[in-house]
Amino acid sequence: MLNPSSPLFTNPTPSGNENWKMEINFDDDNVGNCDEIECLFASELLDADWFDPNGEPTAVAPIEEVFALVRASIENISKAAQTKEQFLLNLSCLAGAGHMLRTSKSSVQRKYVGPDYTDYLCGWKLQYGSIKGNFSSVDRVPHSRWKKDYQRSTQPGMPFPFDGDDVPAEGDAAAMYWRKRYTGLLQAVKSRNDHVRGLKKNAVQLIRSPPENV
């Protein structure tokens, strides 16, 4: 995440002030491009190397856990931002990180797994030519945001209480909602990313190939 003392933020626009506070409402009907941005982050996490608290390799998390982690990360970015411009710029830096050459895959470690929440340590490396950098972030996710059977939203045997775009906050209903809503969109984002990577590969090959004699 960019440092708030960066020259980029020393002269904020009139819309930014010291009393400004970023508030993220994930249940807002006006989601705009939110789903797509969240899927960009999720696709990186689903492609990352995952580790348990002891540092041993483990299976990639289920999609509902991944999206809960994505939203926790976005919330933390918003809390650290001093202006909406800073929030958007920091978010765009992370969203576009996958398009930079990386020396290795991203990593996610469940640093601490408690009875009510899990702390995740996310790490990634970026590269521009010979310039390389390591980045990391720690995010805490309450189990009630995704974990099945952690806190039931309905009585046993009752149907899940949501329909359409009604977003349940916790329990089994929340886990079902995550999977139903994002699985298709995530596949669409992955397909688009594969297409973009193909275009970039062709462009690089074209640039590096010697010009043909006319």
N, C-alpha and C. Protein backbone atom coordinates (compact mmCIF):
# COMPACT_ATOMS: atom_id res chain seq x y z
N MET A 1 0.84 -1.18 0.00
CA MET A 1 0.00 0.00 0.00
C MET A 1 0.88 1.25 0.00
N LEU A 2 0.47 2.27 -0.69
CA LEU A 2 1.28 3.47 -0.79
C LEU A 2 1.33 4.21 0.54
N ASN A 3 2.45 4.83 0.80
CA ASN A 3 2.64 5.59 2.03
C ASN A 3 1.86 6.89 1.96
N PRO A 4 1.05 7.22 3.00
CA PRO A 4 0.30 8.47 2.99
C PRO A 4 1.18 9.71 2.87
N SER A 5 2.48 9.58 3.23
CA SER A 5 3.38 10.73 3.13
C SER A 5 3.96 10.89 1.73
N SER A 6 3.57 10.01 0.82
CA SER A 6 4.05 10.10 -0.55
C SER A 6 3.69 11.44 -1.15
N PRO A 7 4.55 11.98 -2.05
CA PRO A 7 4.22 13.24 -2.72
C PRO A 7 2.88 13.21 -3.44
N LEU A 8 2.43 12.00 -3.77
CA LEU A 8 1.13 11.90 -4.44
C LEU A 8 0.01 12.44 -3.58
N PHE A 9 0.21 12.42 -2.26
CA PHE A 9 -0.88 12.76 -1.35
C PHE A 9 -0.60 14.03 -0.54
N THR A 10 0.48 14.73 -0.83
CA THR A 10 0.79 15.93 -0.05
C THR A 10 -0.08 17.10 -0.44
N ASN A 11 -0.73 17.01 -1.57
CA ASN A 11 -1.60 18.10 -2.00
C ASN A 11 -2.94 17.52 -2.47
N PRO A 12 -3.76 17.01 -1.51
CA PRO A 12 -5.00 16.35 -1.89
C PRO A 12 -5.98 17.32 -2.52
N THR A 13 -6.91 16.77 -3.27
CA THR A 13 -7.93 17.60 -3.90
C THR A 13 -8.87 18.15 -2.84
N PRO A 14 -9.67 19.17 -3.18
CA PRO A 14 -10.58 19.75 -2.19
C PRO A 14 -11.54 18.74 -1.57
N SER A 15 -11.75 17.60 -2.23
CA SER A 15 -12.67 16.62 -1.67
C SER A 15 -12.07 15.86 -0.50
N GLY A 16 -10.75 16.00 -0.29
CA GLY A 16 -10.10 15.31 0.81
C GLY A 16 -9.80 16.27 1.95
N ASN A 17 -9.98 15.81 3.20
CA ASN A 17 -9.64 16.61 4.36
C ASN A 17 -9.35 15.68 5.51
N GLU A 18 -8.80 16.24 6.58
CA GLU A 18 -8.33 15.41 7.69
C GLU A 18 -9.47 14.72 8.43
N ASN A 19 -10.69 15.21 8.27
CA ASN A 19 -11.83 14.62 8.95
C ASN A 19 -12.57 13.61 8.08
N TRP A 20 -12.08 13.41 6.86
CA TRP A 20 -12.75 12.51 5.94
C TRP A 20 -12.57 11.07 6.39
N LYS A 21 -13.62 10.27 6.27
CA LYS A 21 -13.56 8.87 6.66
C LYS A 21 -14.20 8.02 5.58
N MET A 22 -13.45 7.00 5.15
CA MET A 22 -13.94 6.11 4.12
C MET A 22 -14.88 5.08 4.73
N GLU A 23 -16.05 4.92 4.14
CA GLU A 23 -16.99 3.92 4.61
C GLU A 23 -17.37 3.02 3.43
N ILE A 24 -17.14 1.74 3.60
CA ILE A 24 -17.44 0.76 2.56
C ILE A 24 -18.73 0.04 2.91
N ASN A 25 -19.69 0.08 2.01
CA ASN A 25 -20.95 -0.63 2.20
C ASN A 25 -21.04 -1.72 1.14
N PHE A 26 -20.68 -2.94 1.52
CA PHE A 26 -20.68 -4.04 0.56
C PHE A 26 -22.09 -4.48 0.18
N ASP A 27 -23.08 -4.04 0.93
CA ASP A 27 -24.46 -4.43 0.64
C ASP A 27 -25.19 -3.39 -0.19
N ASP A 28 -24.47 -2.36 -0.66
CA ASP A 28 -25.07 -1.30 -1.46
C ASP A 28 -25.57 -1.88 -2.78
N ASP A 29 -26.77 -1.47 -3.18
CA ASP A 29 -27.33 -1.94 -4.45
C ASP A 29 -26.53 -1.42 -5.64
N ASN A 30 -25.91 -0.24 -5.49
CA ASN A 30 -25.14 0.37 -6.57
C ASN A 30 -23.70 -0.14 -6.52
N VAL A 31 -23.50 -1.40 -6.92
CA VAL A 31 -22.18 -2.02 -6.79
C VAL A 31 -21.22 -1.58 -7.88
N GLY A 32 -21.75 -1.09 -9.03
CA GLY A 32 -20.87 -0.63 -10.09
C GLY A 32 -19.89 -1.71 -10.51
N ASN A 33 -18.59 -1.39 -10.41
CA ASN A 33 -17.56 -2.36 -10.80
C ASN A 33 -16.99 -3.11 -9.59
N CYS A 34 -17.67 -3.05 -8.45
CA CYS A 34 -17.14 -3.66 -7.23
C CYS A 34 -16.92 -5.16 -7.39
N ASP A 35 -17.91 -5.85 -7.97
CA ASP A 35 -17.78 -7.30 -8.13
C ASP A 35 -16.56 -7.66 -8.96
N GLU A 36 -16.32 -6.89 -10.03
CA GLU A 36 -15.20 -7.20 -10.91
C GLU A 36 -13.87 -6.96 -10.20
N ILE A 37 -13.78 -5.87 -9.43
CA ILE A 37 -12.55 -5.59 -8.69
C ILE A 37 -12.30 -6.69 -7.66
N GLU A 38 -13.35 -7.09 -6.95
CA GLU A 38 -13.19 -8.15 -5.96
C GLU A 38 -12.75 -9.45 -6.62
N CYS A 39 -13.26 -9.72 -7.81
CA CYS A 39 -12.87 -10.93 -8.53
C CYS A 39 -11.42 -10.88 -8.99
N LEU A 40 -10.93 -9.68 -9.33
CA LEU A 40 -9.52 -9.55 -9.68
C LEU A 40 -8.63 -9.96 -8.51
N PHE A 41 -8.99 -9.47 -7.32
CA PHE A 41 -8.23 -9.84 -6.13
C PHE A 41 -8.36 -11.34 -5.84
N ALA A 42 -9.60 -11.83 -5.96
CA ALA A 42 -9.85 -13.24 -5.65
C ALA A 42 -9.09 -14.17 -6.59
N SER A 43 -9.01 -13.80 -7.86
CA SER A 43 -8.29 -14.65 -8.82
C SER A 43 -6.82 -14.77 -8.46
N GLU A 44 -6.24 -13.68 -7.91
CA GLU A 44 -4.85 -13.73 -7.46
C GLU A 44 -4.70 -14.67 -6.26
N LEU A 45 -5.65 -14.58 -5.32
CA LEU A 45 -5.57 -15.40 -4.12
C LEU A 45 -5.80 -16.88 -4.44
N LEU A 46 -6.70 -17.15 -5.37
CA LEU A 46 -6.96 -18.54 -5.75
C LEU A 46 -5.79 -19.16 -6.50
N ASP A 47 -4.95 -18.31 -7.09
CA ASP A 47 -3.77 -18.79 -7.81
C ASP A 47 -2.52 -18.77 -6.94
N ALA A 48 -2.66 -18.31 -5.69
CA ALA A 48 -1.52 -18.16 -4.80
C ALA A 48 -1.15 -19.49 -4.14
N ASP A 49 0.04 -19.51 -3.55
CA ASP A 49 0.47 -20.64 -2.72
C ASP A 49 -0.03 -20.40 -1.30
N TRP A 50 -0.73 -21.38 -0.73
CA TRP A 50 -1.32 -21.24 0.60
C TRP A 50 -0.53 -22.05 1.61
N PHE A 51 -0.43 -21.51 2.85
CA PHE A 51 0.33 -22.15 3.91
C PHE A 51 -0.46 -22.11 5.21
N ASP A 52 -0.23 -23.12 6.05
CA ASP A 52 -0.89 -23.17 7.35
C ASP A 52 -0.09 -22.36 8.37
N PRO A 53 -0.55 -22.26 9.63
CA PRO A 53 0.17 -21.46 10.63
C PRO A 53 1.61 -21.89 10.87
N ASN A 54 1.93 -23.14 10.56
CA ASN A 54 3.30 -23.63 10.74
C ASN A 54 4.17 -23.41 9.51
N GLY A 55 3.61 -22.78 8.49
CA GLY A 55 4.37 -22.54 7.28
C GLY A 55 4.39 -23.69 6.31
N GLU A 56 3.58 -24.71 6.57
CA GLU A 56 3.52 -25.87 5.68
C GLU A 56 2.50 -25.62 4.56
N PRO A 57 2.79 -26.07 3.35
CA PRO A 57 1.84 -25.90 2.24
C PRO A 57 0.49 -26.54 2.56
N THR A 58 -0.57 -25.90 2.13
CA THR A 58 -1.91 -26.40 2.36
C THR A 58 -2.77 -26.11 1.14
N ALA A 59 -3.96 -26.66 1.12
CA ALA A 59 -4.86 -26.48 -0.02
C ALA A 59 -5.34 -25.04 -0.11
N VAL A 60 -5.65 -24.61 -1.33
CA VAL A 60 -6.21 -23.28 -1.54
C VAL A 60 -7.56 -23.19 -0.84
N ALA A 61 -7.85 -22.04 -0.27
CA ALA A 61 -9.08 -21.84 0.48
C ALA A 61 -10.30 -21.93 -0.42
N PRO A 62 -11.46 -22.28 0.14
CA PRO A 62 -12.70 -22.28 -0.65
C PRO A 62 -13.06 -20.86 -1.06
N ILE A 63 -13.88 -20.74 -2.08
CA ILE A 63 -14.17 -19.44 -2.67
C ILE A 63 -14.80 -18.48 -1.67
N GLU A 64 -15.65 -18.99 -0.76
CA GLU A 64 -16.29 -18.09 0.20
C GLU A 64 -15.28 -17.50 1.17
N GLU A 65 -14.27 -18.27 1.55
CA GLU A 65 -13.22 -17.76 2.43
C GLU A 65 -12.36 -16.73 1.69
N VAL A 66 -12.07 -17.01 0.44
CA VAL A 66 -11.25 -16.09 -0.36
C VAL A 66 -11.93 -14.73 -0.49
N PHE A 67 -13.22 -14.72 -0.80
CA PHE A 67 -13.90 -13.44 -0.97
C PHE A 67 -14.07 -12.70 0.35
N ALA A 68 -14.20 -13.43 1.45
CA ALA A 68 -14.24 -12.77 2.75
C ALA A 68 -12.90 -12.08 3.03
N LEU A 69 -11.79 -12.73 2.64
CA LEU A 69 -10.47 -12.13 2.79
C LEU A 69 -10.31 -10.92 1.88
N VAL A 70 -10.82 -11.01 0.66
CA VAL A 70 -10.76 -9.88 -0.27
C VAL A 70 -11.44 -8.66 0.32
N ARG A 71 -12.63 -8.85 0.85
CA ARG A 71 -13.37 -7.71 1.40
C ARG A 71 -12.70 -7.15 2.65
N ALA A 72 -12.10 -8.01 3.45
CA ALA A 72 -11.37 -7.52 4.62
C ALA A 72 -10.18 -6.67 4.18
N SER A 73 -9.50 -7.08 3.11
CA SER A 73 -8.37 -6.31 2.59
C SER A 73 -8.81 -4.94 2.09
N ILE A 74 -9.94 -4.91 1.38
CA ILE A 74 -10.46 -3.64 0.88
C ILE A 74 -10.85 -2.74 2.03
N GLU A 75 -11.44 -3.30 3.07
CA GLU A 75 -11.80 -2.52 4.25
C GLU A 75 -10.57 -1.91 4.90
N ASN A 76 -9.50 -2.69 5.01
CA ASN A 76 -8.27 -2.18 5.62
C ASN A 76 -7.65 -1.07 4.78
N ILE A 77 -7.72 -1.19 3.47
CA ILE A 77 -7.22 -0.12 2.60
C ILE A 77 -8.03 1.15 2.83
N SER A 78 -9.34 0.99 2.97
CA SER A 78 -10.19 2.16 3.18
C SER A 78 -9.92 2.82 4.53
N LYS A 79 -9.66 2.02 5.55
CA LYS A 79 -9.40 2.57 6.89
C LYS A 79 -8.08 3.35 6.93
N ALA A 80 -7.12 2.92 6.12
CA ALA A 80 -5.81 3.58 6.11
C ALA A 80 -5.80 4.83 5.24
N ALA A 81 -6.81 4.98 4.39
CA ALA A 81 -6.83 6.12 3.46
C ALA A 81 -7.25 7.40 4.15
N GLN A 82 -6.63 8.50 3.76
CA GLN A 82 -6.96 9.82 4.29
C GLN A 82 -7.91 10.58 3.37
N THR A 83 -7.96 10.18 2.12
CA THR A 83 -8.87 10.79 1.15
C THR A 83 -9.43 9.68 0.27
N LYS A 84 -10.51 9.99 -0.42
CA LYS A 84 -11.06 8.99 -1.34
C LYS A 84 -10.11 8.74 -2.50
N GLU A 85 -9.36 9.79 -2.90
CA GLU A 85 -8.38 9.61 -3.97
C GLU A 85 -7.28 8.64 -3.55
N GLN A 86 -6.86 8.74 -2.29
CA GLN A 86 -5.83 7.84 -1.79
C GLN A 86 -6.35 6.40 -1.76
N PHE A 87 -7.58 6.25 -1.32
CA PHE A 87 -8.18 4.91 -1.30
C PHE A 87 -8.23 4.32 -2.71
N LEU A 88 -8.71 5.10 -3.67
CA LEU A 88 -8.84 4.59 -5.04
C LEU A 88 -7.49 4.29 -5.66
N LEU A 89 -6.49 5.13 -5.37
CA LEU A 89 -5.16 4.91 -5.94
C LEU A 89 -4.52 3.67 -5.34
N ASN A 90 -4.63 3.51 -4.01
CA ASN A 90 -4.08 2.32 -3.38
C ASN A 90 -4.77 1.06 -3.89
N LEU A 91 -6.09 1.15 -4.05
CA LEU A 91 -6.85 0.01 -4.55
C LEU A 91 -6.44 -0.33 -5.98
N SER A 92 -6.24 0.71 -6.80
CA SER A 92 -5.85 0.47 -8.19
C SER A 92 -4.45 -0.13 -8.28
N CYS A 93 -3.57 0.25 -7.35
CA CYS A 93 -2.22 -0.33 -7.34
C CYS A 93 -2.29 -1.84 -7.13
N LEU A 94 -3.13 -2.27 -6.19
CA LEU A 94 -3.26 -3.69 -5.93
C LEU A 94 -3.99 -4.40 -7.06
N ALA A 95 -5.01 -3.75 -7.60
CA ALA A 95 -5.78 -4.37 -8.68
C ALA A 95 -4.93 -4.58 -9.92
N GLY A 96 -3.99 -3.66 -10.17
CA GLY A 96 -3.15 -3.77 -11.36
C GLY A 96 -1.85 -4.51 -11.13
N ALA A 97 -1.62 -4.96 -9.89
CA ALA A 97 -0.35 -5.62 -9.58
C ALA A 97 -0.17 -6.90 -10.38
N GLY A 98 -1.26 -7.58 -10.68
CA GLY A 98 -1.15 -8.83 -11.42
C GLY A 98 -0.66 -8.66 -12.83
N HIS A 99 -0.69 -7.43 -13.36
CA HIS A 99 -0.24 -7.19 -14.73
C HIS A 99 1.25 -6.87 -14.80
N MET A 100 1.90 -6.77 -13.62
CA MET A 100 3.34 -6.56 -13.62
C MET A 100 4.04 -7.90 -13.59
N LEU A 101 5.24 -7.94 -14.13
CA LEU A 101 6.03 -9.17 -14.08
C LEU A 101 6.38 -9.47 -12.64
N ARG A 102 6.13 -10.71 -12.23
CA ARG A 102 6.42 -11.10 -10.86
C ARG A 102 7.46 -12.21 -10.85
N THR A 103 8.28 -12.21 -9.83
CA THR A 103 9.33 -13.22 -9.73
C THR A 103 8.79 -14.54 -9.21
N SER A 104 7.63 -14.53 -8.60
CA SER A 104 7.04 -15.77 -8.09
C SER A 104 5.55 -15.54 -7.85
N LYS A 105 4.87 -16.62 -7.49
CA LYS A 105 3.44 -16.51 -7.20
C LYS A 105 3.23 -15.81 -5.86
N SER A 106 2.04 -15.26 -5.69
CA SER A 106 1.69 -14.68 -4.40
C SER A 106 1.55 -15.81 -3.38
N SER A 107 1.58 -15.43 -2.10
CA SER A 107 1.43 -16.42 -1.04
C SER A 107 0.43 -15.93 -0.01
N VAL A 108 -0.27 -16.86 0.60
CA VAL A 108 -1.21 -16.55 1.67
C VAL A 108 -0.98 -17.55 2.80
N GLN A 109 -0.72 -17.04 3.99
CA GLN A 109 -0.55 -17.91 5.15
C GLN A 109 -1.61 -17.59 6.19
N ARG A 110 -2.28 -18.63 6.66
CA ARG A 110 -3.16 -18.45 7.82
C ARG A 110 -2.25 -18.33 9.03
N LYS A 111 -1.91 -17.11 9.36
CA LYS A 111 -0.92 -16.87 10.41
C LYS A 111 -1.42 -17.30 11.78
N TYR A 112 -2.70 -17.05 12.02
CA TYR A 112 -3.31 -17.44 13.29
C TYR A 112 -4.75 -17.84 13.04
N VAL A 113 -5.14 -19.00 13.52
CA VAL A 113 -6.52 -19.47 13.39
C VAL A 113 -7.10 -19.58 14.78
N GLY A 114 -7.98 -18.65 15.13
CA GLY A 114 -8.61 -18.64 16.44
C GLY A 114 -10.01 -19.21 16.40
N PRO A 115 -10.70 -19.19 17.51
CA PRO A 115 -12.07 -19.71 17.55
C PRO A 115 -13.06 -18.83 16.79
N ASP A 116 -12.75 -17.54 16.66
CA ASP A 116 -13.71 -16.61 16.06
C ASP A 116 -13.19 -15.91 14.81
N TYR A 117 -11.89 -15.94 14.57
CA TYR A 117 -11.33 -15.24 13.42
C TYR A 117 -10.02 -15.89 13.00
N THR A 118 -9.58 -15.51 11.80
CA THR A 118 -8.29 -15.96 11.27
C THR A 118 -7.50 -14.75 10.79
N ASP A 119 -6.21 -14.71 11.11
CA ASP A 119 -5.31 -13.68 10.60
C ASP A 119 -4.56 -14.26 9.40
N TYR A 120 -4.57 -13.51 8.31
CA TYR A 120 -3.92 -13.94 7.07
C TYR A 120 -2.73 -13.03 6.76
N LEU A 121 -1.62 -13.64 6.40
CA LEU A 121 -0.45 -12.90 5.94
C LEU A 121 -0.33 -13.12 4.44
N CYS A 122 -0.56 -12.07 3.67
CA CYS A 122 -0.48 -12.15 2.21
C CYS A 122 0.83 -11.52 1.75
N GLY A 123 1.53 -12.21 0.88
CA GLY A 123 2.80 -11.69 0.37
C GLY A 123 2.89 -11.82 -1.13
N TRP A 124 3.54 -10.86 -1.76
CA TRP A 124 3.72 -10.91 -3.22
C TRP A 124 4.96 -10.12 -3.61
N LYS A 125 5.47 -10.42 -4.80
CA LYS A 125 6.66 -9.77 -5.31
C LYS A 125 6.34 -9.13 -6.66
N LEU A 126 6.82 -7.93 -6.85
CA LEU A 126 6.63 -7.23 -8.12
C LEU A 126 7.98 -6.93 -8.74
N GLN A 127 7.99 -6.80 -10.06
CA GLN A 127 9.24 -6.57 -10.77
C GLN A 127 9.03 -5.65 -11.96
N TYR A 128 9.95 -4.72 -12.10
CA TYR A 128 10.02 -3.89 -13.31
C TYR A 128 11.47 -3.90 -13.74
N GLY A 129 11.78 -4.76 -14.72
CA GLY A 129 13.17 -4.91 -15.12
C GLY A 129 14.00 -5.49 -13.99
N SER A 130 15.06 -4.78 -13.63
CA SER A 130 15.93 -5.24 -12.55
C SER A 130 15.44 -4.79 -11.18
N ILE A 131 14.39 -4.00 -11.15
CA ILE A 131 13.85 -3.49 -9.89
C ILE A 131 12.81 -4.46 -9.35
N LYS A 132 13.07 -4.99 -8.17
CA LYS A 132 12.18 -5.96 -7.55
C LYS A 132 11.82 -5.50 -6.14
N GLY A 133 10.63 -5.84 -5.71
CA GLY A 133 10.20 -5.45 -4.37
C GLY A 133 9.29 -6.49 -3.75
N ASN A 134 9.38 -6.62 -2.44
CA ASN A 134 8.52 -7.53 -1.68
C ASN A 134 7.45 -6.74 -0.95
N PHE A 135 6.25 -7.26 -0.95
CA PHE A 135 5.13 -6.58 -0.30
C PHE A 135 4.36 -7.60 0.54
N SER A 136 3.73 -7.11 1.60
CA SER A 136 2.93 -8.00 2.43
C SER A 136 1.85 -7.21 3.15
N SER A 137 0.82 -7.90 3.56
CA SER A 137 -0.26 -7.29 4.34
C SER A 137 -0.85 -8.34 5.26
N VAL A 138 -1.40 -7.90 6.37
CA VAL A 138 -2.05 -8.79 7.33
C VAL A 138 -3.50 -8.37 7.47
N ASP A 139 -4.41 -9.30 7.29
CA ASP A 139 -5.84 -9.01 7.38
C ASP A 139 -6.51 -10.02 8.30
N ARG A 140 -7.44 -9.52 9.10
CA ARG A 140 -8.19 -10.38 10.02
C ARG A 140 -9.61 -10.55 9.51
N VAL A 141 -10.07 -11.79 9.43
CA VAL A 141 -11.41 -12.08 8.92
C VAL A 141 -12.20 -12.87 9.96
N PRO A 142 -13.31 -12.32 10.46
CA PRO A 142 -14.17 -13.07 11.38
C PRO A 142 -14.74 -14.30 10.67
N HIS A 143 -14.80 -15.41 11.37
CA HIS A 143 -15.33 -16.63 10.77
C HIS A 143 -16.80 -16.49 10.41
N SER A 144 -17.49 -15.60 11.10
CA SER A 144 -18.92 -15.42 10.83
C SER A 144 -19.19 -14.89 9.44
N ARG A 145 -18.16 -14.37 8.77
CA ARG A 145 -18.35 -13.82 7.43
C ARG A 145 -18.39 -14.89 6.35
N TRP A 146 -17.93 -16.08 6.67
CA TRP A 146 -17.87 -17.08 5.60
C TRP A 146 -18.01 -18.52 6.06
N LYS A 147 -17.65 -18.82 7.28
CA LYS A 147 -17.51 -20.22 7.68
C LYS A 147 -18.86 -20.90 7.87
N LYS A 148 -19.03 -22.03 7.22
CA LYS A 148 -20.27 -22.78 7.33
C LYS A 148 -20.45 -23.31 8.75
N ASP A 149 -21.69 -23.26 9.20
CA ASP A 149 -22.08 -23.77 10.52
C ASP A 149 -21.48 -22.98 11.67
N TYR A 150 -20.75 -21.88 11.37
CA TYR A 150 -20.21 -21.09 12.47
C TYR A 150 -21.33 -20.42 13.25
N GLN A 151 -22.24 -19.80 12.53
CA GLN A 151 -23.39 -19.16 13.15
C GLN A 151 -24.56 -19.26 12.19
N ARG A 152 -25.50 -20.10 12.48
CA ARG A 152 -26.60 -20.33 11.55
C ARG A 152 -27.52 -19.14 11.50
N SER A 153 -27.95 -18.77 10.29
CA SER A 153 -28.85 -17.64 10.11
C SER A 153 -30.31 -18.05 10.26
N THR A 154 -30.58 -19.36 10.19
CA THR A 154 -31.95 -19.83 10.31
C THR A 154 -31.99 -21.05 11.21
N GLN A 155 -33.18 -21.46 11.58
CA GLN A 155 -33.35 -22.67 12.36
C GLN A 155 -33.09 -23.88 11.47
N PRO A 156 -32.58 -24.99 12.03
CA PRO A 156 -32.35 -26.19 11.21
C PRO A 156 -33.61 -26.61 10.47
N GLY A 157 -33.43 -26.95 9.20
CA GLY A 157 -34.56 -27.38 8.40
C GLY A 157 -35.29 -26.27 7.69
N MET A 158 -34.97 -25.02 8.02
CA MET A 158 -35.63 -23.88 7.39
C MET A 158 -34.85 -23.47 6.15
N PRO A 159 -35.52 -22.91 5.13
CA PRO A 159 -34.82 -22.46 3.92
C PRO A 159 -33.95 -21.26 4.21
N PHE A 160 -32.95 -21.04 3.38
CA PHE A 160 -32.08 -19.89 3.56
C PHE A 160 -32.84 -18.61 3.23
N PRO A 161 -32.74 -17.60 4.08
CA PRO A 161 -33.60 -16.41 3.99
C PRO A 161 -33.09 -15.33 3.05
N PHE A 162 -32.74 -15.70 1.82
CA PHE A 162 -32.36 -14.63 0.91
C PHE A 162 -32.79 -14.98 -0.49
N ASP A 163 -32.99 -13.93 -1.28
CA ASP A 163 -33.43 -14.11 -2.66
C ASP A 163 -32.90 -12.94 -3.46
N GLY A 164 -32.55 -13.19 -4.71
CA GLY A 164 -32.07 -12.11 -5.56
C GLY A 164 -30.77 -11.55 -5.03
N ASP A 165 -30.74 -10.23 -4.78
CA ASP A 165 -29.52 -9.55 -4.34
C ASP A 165 -29.49 -9.31 -2.85
N ASP A 166 -30.39 -9.92 -2.08
CA ASP A 166 -30.36 -9.77 -0.63
C ASP A 166 -29.15 -10.51 -0.09
N VAL A 167 -28.27 -9.80 0.60
CA VAL A 167 -27.00 -10.38 1.04
C VAL A 167 -27.06 -10.75 2.51
N PRO A 168 -26.99 -12.03 2.86
CA PRO A 168 -26.95 -12.43 4.26
C PRO A 168 -25.60 -12.10 4.85
N ALA A 169 -25.59 -11.75 6.12
CA ALA A 169 -24.35 -11.30 6.75
C ALA A 169 -23.49 -12.45 7.25
N GLU A 170 -24.11 -13.53 7.73
CA GLU A 170 -23.33 -14.55 8.41
C GLU A 170 -23.88 -15.95 8.12
N GLY A 171 -23.12 -16.94 8.58
CA GLY A 171 -23.59 -18.31 8.60
C GLY A 171 -23.62 -19.02 7.27
N ASP A 172 -24.35 -20.13 7.22
CA ASP A 172 -24.44 -20.95 6.02
C ASP A 172 -25.00 -20.18 4.84
N ALA A 173 -25.97 -19.30 5.11
CA ALA A 173 -26.58 -18.53 4.03
C ALA A 173 -25.54 -17.64 3.35
N ALA A 174 -24.64 -17.06 4.15
CA ALA A 174 -23.60 -16.21 3.59
C ALA A 174 -22.66 -17.02 2.70
N ALA A 175 -22.28 -18.22 3.18
CA ALA A 175 -21.39 -19.07 2.39
C ALA A 175 -22.03 -19.45 1.06
N MET A 176 -23.32 -19.79 1.10
CA MET A 176 -24.02 -20.15 -0.14
C MET A 176 -24.09 -18.96 -1.08
N TYR A 177 -24.33 -17.78 -0.52
CA TYR A 177 -24.45 -16.58 -1.35
C TYR A 177 -23.14 -16.30 -2.07
N TRP A 178 -22.02 -16.35 -1.34
CA TRP A 178 -20.71 -16.09 -1.95
C TRP A 178 -20.51 -16.98 -3.17
N ARG A 179 -20.74 -18.28 -2.98
CA ARG A 179 -20.48 -19.23 -4.05
C ARG A 179 -21.41 -19.00 -5.24
N LYS A 180 -22.69 -18.75 -4.96
CA LYS A 180 -23.66 -18.56 -6.03
C LYS A 180 -23.37 -17.30 -6.83
N ARG A 181 -23.00 -16.23 -6.13
CA ARG A 181 -22.85 -14.94 -6.79
C ARG A 181 -21.56 -14.82 -7.57
N TYR A 182 -20.48 -15.36 -7.05
CA TYR A 182 -19.17 -15.03 -7.61
C TYR A 182 -18.54 -16.10 -8.49
N THR A 183 -19.00 -17.33 -8.42
CA THR A 183 -18.34 -18.37 -9.20
C THR A 183 -18.34 -18.06 -10.69
N GLY A 184 -19.50 -17.69 -11.23
CA GLY A 184 -19.59 -17.36 -12.65
C GLY A 184 -18.79 -16.14 -13.02
N LEU A 185 -18.89 -15.10 -12.18
CA LEU A 185 -18.16 -13.86 -12.47
C LEU A 185 -16.66 -14.07 -12.39
N LEU A 186 -16.23 -14.88 -11.45
CA LEU A 186 -14.80 -15.16 -11.31
C LEU A 186 -14.26 -15.84 -12.56
N GLN A 187 -15.02 -16.76 -13.11
CA GLN A 187 -14.60 -17.44 -14.33
C GLN A 187 -14.50 -16.46 -15.49
N ALA A 188 -15.44 -15.50 -15.54
CA ALA A 188 -15.40 -14.49 -16.60
C ALA A 188 -14.16 -13.62 -16.48
N VAL A 189 -13.81 -13.24 -15.25
CA VAL A 189 -12.62 -12.42 -15.02
C VAL A 189 -11.37 -13.19 -15.40
N LYS A 190 -11.30 -14.47 -15.05
CA LYS A 190 -10.15 -15.29 -15.41
C LYS A 190 -10.00 -15.40 -16.92
N SER A 191 -11.13 -15.57 -17.61
CA SER A 191 -11.08 -15.67 -19.07
C SER A 191 -10.58 -14.37 -19.68
N ARG A 192 -11.03 -13.25 -19.13
CA ARG A 192 -10.57 -11.96 -19.64
C ARG A 192 -9.08 -11.77 -19.38
N ASN A 193 -8.62 -12.17 -18.18
CA ASN A 193 -7.20 -12.05 -17.87
C ASN A 193 -6.35 -12.91 -18.79
N ASP A 194 -6.84 -14.12 -19.10
CA ASP A 194 -6.11 -14.99 -20.03
C ASP A 194 -6.02 -14.33 -21.40
N HIS A 195 -7.10 -13.68 -21.81
CA HIS A 195 -7.11 -13.00 -23.11
C HIS A 195 -6.12 -11.84 -23.11
N VAL A 196 -6.10 -11.07 -22.02
CA VAL A 196 -5.18 -9.93 -21.92
C VAL A 196 -3.73 -10.42 -21.92
N ARG A 197 -3.46 -11.50 -21.18
CA ARG A 197 -2.09 -12.03 -21.16
C ARG A 197 -1.66 -12.49 -22.55
N GLY A 198 -2.61 -13.07 -23.30
CA GLY A 198 -2.29 -13.49 -24.66
C GLY A 198 -1.96 -12.31 -25.55
N LEU A 199 -2.72 -11.22 -25.41
CA LEU A 199 -2.45 -10.02 -26.19
C LEU A 199 -1.09 -9.43 -25.84
N LYS A 200 -0.77 -9.39 -24.55
CA LYS A 200 0.52 -8.84 -24.13
C LYS A 200 1.67 -9.69 -24.66
N LYS A 201 1.50 -11.01 -24.62
CA LYS A 201 2.56 -11.90 -25.12
C LYS A 201 2.80 -11.67 -26.60
N ASN A 202 1.73 -11.55 -27.36
CA ASN A 202 1.86 -11.31 -28.79
C ASN A 202 2.50 -9.95 -29.07
N ALA A 203 2.14 -8.95 -28.26
CA ALA A 203 2.70 -7.61 -28.45
C ALA A 203 4.20 -7.61 -28.18
N VAL A 204 4.61 -8.30 -27.11
CA VAL A 204 6.03 -8.37 -26.77
C VAL A 204 6.81 -9.08 -27.87
N GLN A 205 6.26 -10.18 -28.37
CA GLN A 205 6.93 -10.91 -29.45
C GLN A 205 7.05 -10.05 -30.70
N LEU A 206 6.03 -9.25 -30.98
CA LEU A 206 6.06 -8.38 -32.14
C LEU A 206 7.13 -7.30 -31.99
N ILE A 207 7.25 -6.76 -30.79
CA ILE A 207 8.25 -5.71 -30.54
C ILE A 207 9.66 -6.26 -30.65
N ARG A 208 9.87 -7.47 -30.15
CA ARG A 208 11.21 -8.05 -30.11
C ARG A 208 11.63 -8.69 -31.44
N SER A 209 10.68 -8.98 -32.30
CA SER A 209 11.02 -9.63 -33.56
C SER A 209 11.64 -8.62 -34.51
N PRO A 210 12.63 -9.03 -35.29
CA PRO A 210 13.27 -8.10 -36.23
C PRO A 210 12.31 -7.71 -37.34
N PRO A 211 12.40 -6.48 -37.82
CA PRO A 211 11.50 -6.05 -38.90
C PRO A 211 11.77 -6.83 -40.18
N GLU A 212 10.73 -7.17 -40.88
CA GLU A 212 10.88 -7.91 -42.12
C GLU A 212 11.23 -6.95 -43.26
N ASN A 213 12.00 -7.47 -44.18
CA ASN A 213 12.34 -6.65 -45.35
C ASN A 213 11.13 -6.47 -46.24
N VAL A 214 10.90 -5.27 -46.63
CA VAL A 214 9.74 -4.96 -47.48
C VAL A 214 10.19 -4.87 -48.91
